[in-house]
Protein backbone atom coordinates (compact mmCIF):
# COMPACT_ATOMS: atom_id res chain seq x y z
CA MET A 1 -25.41 -25.48 -2.67
CA ALA A 2 -25.62 -23.00 0.19
CA ASN A 3 -28.09 -20.15 0.16
CA SER A 4 -27.07 -16.68 -0.95
CA GLY A 5 -23.47 -15.81 -0.05
CA GLU A 6 -22.71 -18.72 2.28
CA ILE A 7 -19.78 -20.92 1.30
CA PRO A 8 -20.94 -24.56 1.02
CA GLU A 9 -19.33 -27.04 3.40
CA ASN A 10 -18.15 -29.29 0.53
CA ALA A 11 -16.35 -26.42 -1.22
CA ASN A 12 -12.61 -26.41 -1.86
CA GLU A 13 -10.39 -25.09 0.93
CA HIS A 14 -9.71 -21.64 -0.52
CA CYS A 15 -13.15 -21.07 -2.01
CA PRO A 16 -13.51 -17.41 -3.12
CA GLY A 17 -17.22 -17.51 -2.23
CA PRO A 18 -20.23 -17.97 -4.50
CA GLN A 19 -20.77 -14.19 -4.74
CA SER A 20 -17.22 -13.50 -5.93
CA GLU A 21 -16.71 -12.46 -9.54
CA SER A 22 -14.21 -15.30 -9.81
CA ALA A 23 -16.65 -17.90 -8.41
CA GLY A 24 -16.47 -21.07 -10.48
CA LYS A 25 -13.69 -19.62 -12.62
CA SER A 26 -10.59 -19.34 -10.44
CA ASP A 27 -7.91 -22.00 -9.98
CA GLU A 28 -9.23 -22.64 -6.45
CA CYS A 29 -12.53 -23.81 -7.98
CA GLU A 30 -11.05 -26.65 -10.02
CA GLY A 31 -12.60 -29.97 -9.02
CA CYS A 32 -15.20 -28.44 -6.70
CA PRO A 33 -18.65 -30.09 -6.98
CA ASN A 34 -20.24 -26.64 -6.97
CA GLN A 35 -18.07 -25.15 -9.72
CA GLN A 36 -20.69 -25.08 -12.48
CA ILE A 37 -23.43 -23.73 -10.20
CA CYS A 38 -21.17 -20.93 -8.90
CA ALA A 39 -20.01 -19.98 -12.37
CA THR A 40 -23.57 -19.48 -13.63
CA ALA A 41 -25.30 -18.23 -10.47
CA PRO A 42 -26.27 -14.53 -10.24
CA LYS A 43 -23.91 -12.40 -8.17
CA GLY A 44 -24.85 -9.85 -5.57
CA PRO A 45 -24.04 -8.53 -2.11
CA ASP A 46 -23.93 -11.02 0.75
CA PRO A 47 -27.17 -10.50 2.72
CA ASP A 48 -25.44 -11.68 5.91
CA LEU A 49 -23.29 -8.55 5.85
CA VAL A 50 -26.41 -6.55 6.68
CA GLY A 51 -27.00 -8.67 9.79
CA ILE A 52 -23.35 -8.33 10.80
CA ALA A 53 -23.51 -4.55 10.37
CA GLU A 54 -26.59 -4.42 12.60
CA ARG A 55 -24.84 -6.43 15.34
CA MET A 56 -21.67 -4.36 15.11
CA ALA A 57 -23.58 -1.08 15.27
CA THR A 58 -23.43 -1.29 19.08
CA VAL A 59 -19.63 -1.78 19.10
CA LYS A 60 -17.56 1.42 19.18
CA HIS A 61 -14.06 0.06 18.53
CA LYS A 62 -12.88 -3.16 16.88
CA ILE A 63 -9.28 -4.31 17.26
CA LEU A 64 -7.76 -7.41 15.65
CA VAL A 65 -4.77 -9.12 17.32
CA LEU A 66 -2.66 -10.85 14.67
CA SER A 67 0.67 -12.55 14.18
CA GLY A 68 2.26 -14.27 11.24
CA LYS A 69 3.97 -16.73 13.60
CA GLY A 70 2.44 -19.14 16.09
CA GLY A 71 3.67 -19.40 19.67
CA VAL A 72 4.58 -15.71 20.09
CA GLY A 73 2.08 -15.04 22.89
CA LYS A 74 -0.66 -13.46 20.79
CA SER A 75 -3.53 -15.00 22.74
CA THR A 76 -1.85 -14.12 26.05
CA PHE A 77 -1.66 -10.52 24.85
CA SER A 78 -5.32 -10.58 23.70
CA ALA A 79 -6.42 -11.91 27.09
CA GLN A 80 -4.41 -9.37 29.11
CA LEU A 81 -5.48 -6.54 26.80
CA SER A 82 -9.10 -7.47 27.46
CA PHE A 83 -8.54 -7.71 31.22
CA ALA A 84 -6.85 -4.28 31.18
CA LEU A 85 -9.59 -2.59 29.14
CA ALA A 86 -12.25 -4.02 31.47
CA ALA A 87 -10.28 -2.74 34.48
CA MET A 88 -10.38 0.71 32.85
CA ASP A 89 -14.20 0.50 33.11
CA TYR A 90 -14.78 -0.12 29.42
CA GLN A 91 -17.38 -2.60 28.21
CA VAL A 92 -15.26 -5.25 26.48
CA GLY A 93 -15.89 -8.23 24.22
CA LEU A 94 -13.22 -10.81 23.34
CA LEU A 95 -13.89 -12.91 20.23
CA ASP A 96 -11.69 -15.96 19.69
CA ILE A 97 -11.60 -16.92 15.97
CA ASP A 98 -8.77 -19.43 16.35
CA ILE A 99 -11.08 -22.27 15.42
CA CYS A 100 -8.56 -25.13 15.61
CA GLY A 101 -6.71 -23.92 18.71
CA PRO A 102 -9.11 -22.00 20.97
CA SER A 103 -7.02 -21.13 24.05
CA ILE A 104 -8.96 -18.04 25.15
CA PRO A 105 -11.43 -19.91 27.45
CA LYS A 106 -8.50 -21.19 29.56
CA MET A 107 -6.69 -17.86 29.58
CA LEU A 108 -9.84 -16.11 30.85
CA GLY A 109 -10.58 -18.77 33.48
CA LEU A 110 -13.73 -19.90 31.64
CA GLU A 111 -13.03 -23.56 30.87
CA GLY A 112 -16.12 -25.75 31.05
CA ARG A 113 -18.54 -22.87 30.48
CA GLU A 114 -21.20 -22.96 27.78
CA ILE A 115 -22.96 -20.38 25.64
CA HIS A 116 -26.74 -20.05 25.73
CA GLN A 117 -29.35 -19.14 23.17
CA SER A 118 -31.73 -16.29 23.89
CA SER A 119 -34.33 -14.43 21.87
CA SER A 120 -31.61 -11.86 21.07
CA GLY A 121 -29.07 -14.42 19.85
CA TRP A 122 -26.12 -16.30 21.30
CA SER A 123 -25.20 -15.03 24.76
CA PRO A 124 -21.42 -14.70 25.33
CA VAL A 125 -19.78 -15.99 28.50
CA TYR A 126 -18.92 -13.32 31.06
CA VAL A 127 -15.81 -13.23 33.24
CA GLU A 128 -16.98 -13.12 36.83
CA SER A 129 -16.38 -9.70 38.38
CA ASP A 130 -18.28 -7.01 40.22
CA GLU A 131 -18.80 -5.09 36.97
CA SER A 132 -19.45 -8.05 34.59
CA ASN A 133 -18.01 -5.96 31.76
CA LEU A 134 -15.89 -8.59 29.97
CA ALA A 135 -17.77 -10.91 27.60
CA VAL A 136 -16.09 -13.76 25.72
CA MET A 137 -17.04 -15.93 22.72
CA SER A 138 -15.07 -18.92 21.47
CA ILE A 139 -15.71 -22.21 19.73
CA GLY A 140 -14.10 -23.71 22.84
CA PHE A 141 -17.43 -23.18 24.62
CA MET A 142 -19.17 -25.33 22.00
CA LEU A 143 -16.97 -28.43 22.15
CA PRO A 144 -18.35 -31.36 24.17
CA ASP A 145 -14.77 -32.41 24.97
CA PRO A 146 -11.97 -29.82 25.26
CA ASP A 147 -9.54 -32.35 23.77
CA GLU A 148 -11.66 -32.82 20.66
CA ALA A 149 -9.87 -31.81 17.45
CA VAL A 150 -11.65 -29.35 15.17
CA ILE A 151 -10.92 -30.69 11.69
CA TRP A 152 -12.62 -28.19 9.41
CA ARG A 153 -11.84 -26.89 5.97
CA GLY A 154 -11.81 -23.18 5.24
CA PRO A 155 -15.49 -22.77 4.26
CA ARG A 156 -16.77 -24.22 7.52
CA LYS A 157 -14.36 -22.07 9.54
CA ASN A 158 -15.59 -19.01 7.66
CA GLY A 159 -19.17 -20.03 8.41
CA ILE A 160 -18.68 -20.14 12.18
CA ILE A 161 -16.84 -16.78 12.12
CA LYS A 162 -19.80 -15.29 10.28
CA ASP A 163 -22.14 -16.84 12.85
CA PHE A 164 -20.12 -15.30 15.70
CA LEU A 165 -20.45 -11.88 14.11
CA LYS A 166 -24.13 -11.98 13.21
CA LYS A 167 -25.58 -14.13 16.03
CA VAL A 168 -23.72 -13.14 19.22
CA TYR A 169 -25.60 -10.56 21.30
CA TRP A 170 -22.81 -8.42 22.77
CA GLU A 171 -25.07 -5.56 23.87
CA GLU A 172 -23.22 -2.21 24.01
CA LEU A 173 -19.42 -2.55 23.73
CA ASP A 174 -16.64 0.02 23.89
CA PHE A 175 -14.09 -2.46 22.54
CA LEU A 176 -14.30 -5.74 20.66
CA VAL A 177 -10.93 -7.54 20.68
CA VAL A 178 -10.61 -10.28 18.05
CA ASP A 179 -7.96 -12.94 18.69
CA ALA A 180 -7.04 -14.46 15.32
CA PRO A 181 -4.96 -17.57 14.56
CA PRO A 182 -1.42 -17.14 13.20
CA GLY A 183 -0.95 -16.65 9.48
CA THR A 184 -2.73 -14.85 6.65
CA SER A 185 -5.29 -17.42 5.57
CA ASP A 186 -9.06 -17.87 5.35
CA GLU A 187 -9.92 -16.70 8.86
CA HIS A 188 -8.04 -13.44 8.39
CA ILE A 189 -9.53 -12.70 4.98
CA SER A 190 -13.01 -13.49 6.30
CA ILE A 191 -12.86 -11.37 9.46
CA VAL A 192 -11.61 -8.36 7.49
CA GLN A 193 -14.19 -8.89 4.74
CA TYR A 194 -17.08 -9.25 7.19
CA LEU A 195 -16.10 -6.34 9.44
CA GLN A 196 -14.61 -3.84 7.01
CA ALA A 197 -17.88 -2.14 6.19
CA THR A 198 -18.62 -1.74 9.92
CA GLY A 199 -15.32 0.03 10.59
CA ILE A 200 -12.23 -1.70 12.01
CA ASP A 201 -9.94 0.51 14.08
CA GLY A 202 -6.97 -1.61 13.12
CA ALA A 203 -4.69 -4.49 14.05
CA ILE A 204 -2.09 -5.11 16.72
CA ILE A 205 0.65 -7.44 15.51
CA VAL A 206 2.56 -9.55 18.05
CA THR A 207 6.05 -10.94 17.43
CA THR A 208 9.12 -12.19 19.25
CA PRO A 209 12.52 -10.55 18.67
CA GLN A 210 14.24 -13.13 16.48
CA GLN A 211 14.34 -13.11 12.68
CA VAL A 212 12.62 -16.50 12.34
CA SER A 213 9.49 -14.89 13.81
CA MET A 214 9.72 -11.56 12.03
CA ILE A 215 10.05 -13.19 8.61
CA ASP A 216 6.43 -14.26 9.02
CA VAL A 217 5.34 -11.12 10.86
CA ARG A 218 6.49 -8.98 7.92
CA LYS A 219 4.05 -10.97 5.81
CA GLU A 220 1.31 -10.11 8.32
CA VAL A 221 2.14 -6.40 8.04
CA ASN A 222 1.99 -6.65 4.24
CA PHE A 223 -1.33 -8.51 4.50
CA CYS A 224 -2.75 -5.60 6.49
CA LYS A 225 -1.51 -3.11 3.92
CA LYS A 226 -2.97 -5.09 1.02
CA VAL A 227 -6.45 -5.38 2.56
CA GLY A 228 -6.46 -1.77 3.80
CA LEU A 229 -6.27 -2.68 7.50
CA ASN A 230 -4.67 -0.02 9.71
CA VAL A 231 -1.71 -1.30 11.75
CA LEU A 232 -2.14 0.21 15.21
CA GLY A 233 1.27 -1.06 16.23
CA VAL A 234 3.61 -3.97 16.79
CA VAL A 235 4.36 -5.53 20.18
CA GLU A 236 7.63 -7.36 20.78
CA ASN A 237 6.76 -10.12 23.23
CA MET A 238 9.20 -12.34 25.17
CA SER A 239 11.79 -9.60 24.84
CA GLY A 240 14.41 -11.14 27.14
CA LEU A 241 13.86 -13.16 30.30
CA ASN A 242 13.48 -10.79 33.26
CA GLN A 243 13.09 -12.30 36.73
CA SER A 244 13.90 -11.27 40.28
CA LEU A 245 16.77 -13.25 41.81
CA PRO A 246 14.70 -14.90 44.58
CA GLU A 247 12.52 -16.50 41.89
CA PHE A 248 15.47 -18.28 40.27
CA LYS A 249 16.47 -21.85 40.91
CA PHE A 250 20.23 -22.21 41.49
CA LEU A 251 22.09 -25.34 40.40
CA LYS A 252 25.62 -26.61 40.94
CA ARG A 253 27.19 -28.99 38.43
CA THR A 254 28.76 -32.00 40.15
CA GLN A 255 31.90 -33.83 38.95
CA ASN A 256 29.82 -36.55 37.31
CA GLY A 257 27.87 -33.96 35.30
CA GLU A 258 24.67 -33.98 37.31
CA ASP A 259 22.96 -30.82 38.57
CA SER A 260 22.45 -30.37 42.30
CA ASP A 261 19.85 -27.90 43.61
CA VAL A 262 21.59 -25.33 45.82
CA THR A 263 18.84 -22.70 45.79
CA ALA A 264 18.32 -22.61 49.55
CA TRP A 265 22.08 -22.20 50.15
CA ALA A 266 22.47 -19.50 47.46
CA LEU A 267 19.57 -17.40 48.73
CA GLU A 268 20.69 -17.70 52.34
CA TYR A 269 24.24 -16.75 51.34
CA MET A 270 23.02 -13.63 49.49
CA LYS A 271 20.75 -12.73 52.38
CA GLU A 272 23.70 -12.83 54.80
CA LYS A 273 26.50 -11.43 52.62
CA ALA A 274 24.76 -9.13 50.08
CA PRO A 275 21.02 -8.69 50.79
CA GLU A 276 20.77 -5.86 48.23
CA LEU A 277 21.21 -8.48 45.49
CA LEU A 278 17.81 -9.97 46.36
CA LYS A 279 16.16 -6.76 45.13
CA LEU A 280 17.74 -7.02 41.68
CA ILE A 281 16.07 -8.30 38.50
CA ALA A 282 18.24 -10.58 36.39
CA SER A 283 17.86 -10.29 32.61
CA SER A 284 18.92 -12.68 29.88
CA GLU A 285 18.40 -12.53 26.12
CA VAL A 286 16.46 -15.66 25.17
CA PHE A 287 16.02 -14.90 21.47
CA ASP A 288 18.63 -13.38 19.20
CA SER A 289 17.72 -9.73 18.61
CA SER A 290 20.97 -8.71 16.91
CA GLY A 291 18.95 -7.78 13.83
CA GLY A 292 17.32 -4.92 15.71
CA GLY A 293 14.15 -6.75 16.76
CA ALA A 294 10.64 -5.48 16.20
CA ALA A 295 11.63 -1.81 16.60
CA LYS A 296 13.94 -2.03 13.56
CA MET A 297 11.31 -3.93 11.56
CA CYS A 298 8.71 -1.25 12.32
CA GLN A 299 11.11 1.48 11.25
CA ASP A 300 11.82 -0.34 7.97
CA MET A 301 8.13 -1.01 7.22
CA GLY A 302 6.73 2.32 8.38
CA VAL A 303 4.41 1.02 11.11
CA PRO A 304 4.20 2.07 14.80
CA PHE A 305 6.16 0.20 17.47
CA LEU A 306 4.15 -0.09 20.70
CA GLY A 307 6.85 -1.53 22.94
CA LYS A 308 8.43 -4.62 24.47
CA VAL A 309 7.09 -7.15 26.97
CA PRO A 310 9.73 -9.28 28.74
CA LEU A 311 9.37 -13.01 29.12
CA ASP A 312 7.98 -13.28 32.64
CA PRO A 313 7.29 -16.72 34.21
CA GLN A 314 4.66 -15.05 36.40
CA LEU A 315 2.78 -13.84 33.32
CA CYS A 316 2.86 -17.38 31.93
CA LYS A 317 1.43 -18.61 35.23
CA ALA A 318 -1.32 -15.97 35.15
CA ALA A 319 -2.32 -17.17 31.65
CA GLU A 320 -2.35 -20.80 32.82
CA GLU A 321 -4.57 -19.86 35.78
CA GLY A 322 -6.90 -17.67 33.69
CA ARG A 323 -6.40 -14.45 35.61
CA SER A 324 -5.36 -10.86 35.01
CA CYS A 325 -1.71 -9.98 35.52
CA PHE A 326 -2.73 -6.53 36.78
CA VAL A 327 -4.64 -7.41 39.95
CA ASP A 328 -1.64 -8.10 42.19
CA GLN A 329 2.13 -7.58 42.29
CA LYS A 330 3.08 -11.07 41.10
CA CYS A 331 3.74 -9.99 37.50
CA SER A 332 6.00 -7.15 38.59
CA VAL A 333 8.21 -7.53 35.51
CA SER A 334 5.64 -7.82 32.71
CA ALA A 335 2.56 -5.96 34.00
CA PRO A 336 4.13 -2.46 33.90
CA ALA A 337 5.33 -3.05 30.32
CA LEU A 338 1.90 -4.28 29.24
CA LYS A 339 0.22 -1.35 30.98
CA ARG A 340 2.37 1.18 29.09
CA ILE A 341 1.64 -0.50 25.76
CA ILE A 342 -2.11 -0.70 26.38
CA GLU A 343 -2.33 2.92 27.52
CA LYS A 344 -0.47 3.97 24.35
CA LEU A 345 -2.79 1.82 22.24
CA VAL A 346 -5.99 3.19 23.78
CA ALA A 347 -4.75 6.76 23.36
CA ARG A 348 -4.01 6.09 19.68
CA VAL A 349 -7.39 4.49 19.01
CA LEU A 350 -9.31 7.30 20.70
CA MET A 351 -7.21 9.98 18.98
CA GLU A 352 -7.70 8.45 15.52
CA ASN A 353 -11.43 8.36 16.16
CA GLY A 354 -11.51 11.94 17.42
CA ALA A 355 -12.64 10.91 20.90
């Protein structure tokens, strides 16, 4: 049996925790080897919450990035949000609690880096820059092999999240961005439970326009409402494919059904006959948004809509290369949209905190 409020590693997947009033009595406890001990053990506050509160005392603003659906670009948004905040001269921490799929190290250009222990706790990994004002923590820094699968039940996941919160020495932070896995499961309940007493500014929820995504994202919004987590706003990602014409590949279908690359000819033809076309951005709807997309969902559910980010191949490339989309003109389609959303978000957070 684990000490105090820690969930034992051999507990059932959805263990309510040994300090819960339902410990040893709920349906989730059936068959657990610790059921009798939990049912009879004295209850009390989790002493680790005191340590977490002490660590978080140096963090001004805490923002969770959530999504009910996987593959909507939530981690890409978390990474670019962190890059943008750091570029605005804020001290920023990015905490990756996607234990089974930690993609943040790659998206920040930090693959192969390791965390170090100091007298103050675990030292996060810093993105190299002149200011050194973007610190990152992820289980990806702890894996001996990046291809190694993390096969953990809920209690062990909750344990490492608690360790991240009470052991990482962030120093003074203006913003702590928490990138969560998709869904509304153990990791989400734990991060809210552990941070709630320290003050969470709220959550950003990321979705794509189609109904198959928003079915799950609605659940995420309702999760936030049930646990008392403020929804700072919803971002509609991959909102149509926007790309300048010179970046397209042009194909011609032959009589036998094969595609022939005619890009060089098409671009040269436009350059000679209609050069103004080369300055245009072509747009195509990738996902069906006939249901009104995220804006309509936000209106129906009474939560703020932060804006749309188009599907930009250059943004995908920036994520693959672990760099900010704001430092050059390559992400000319997506960067301005992200910048508007982030500026609106920061203004809302500071206003709600009276800053």
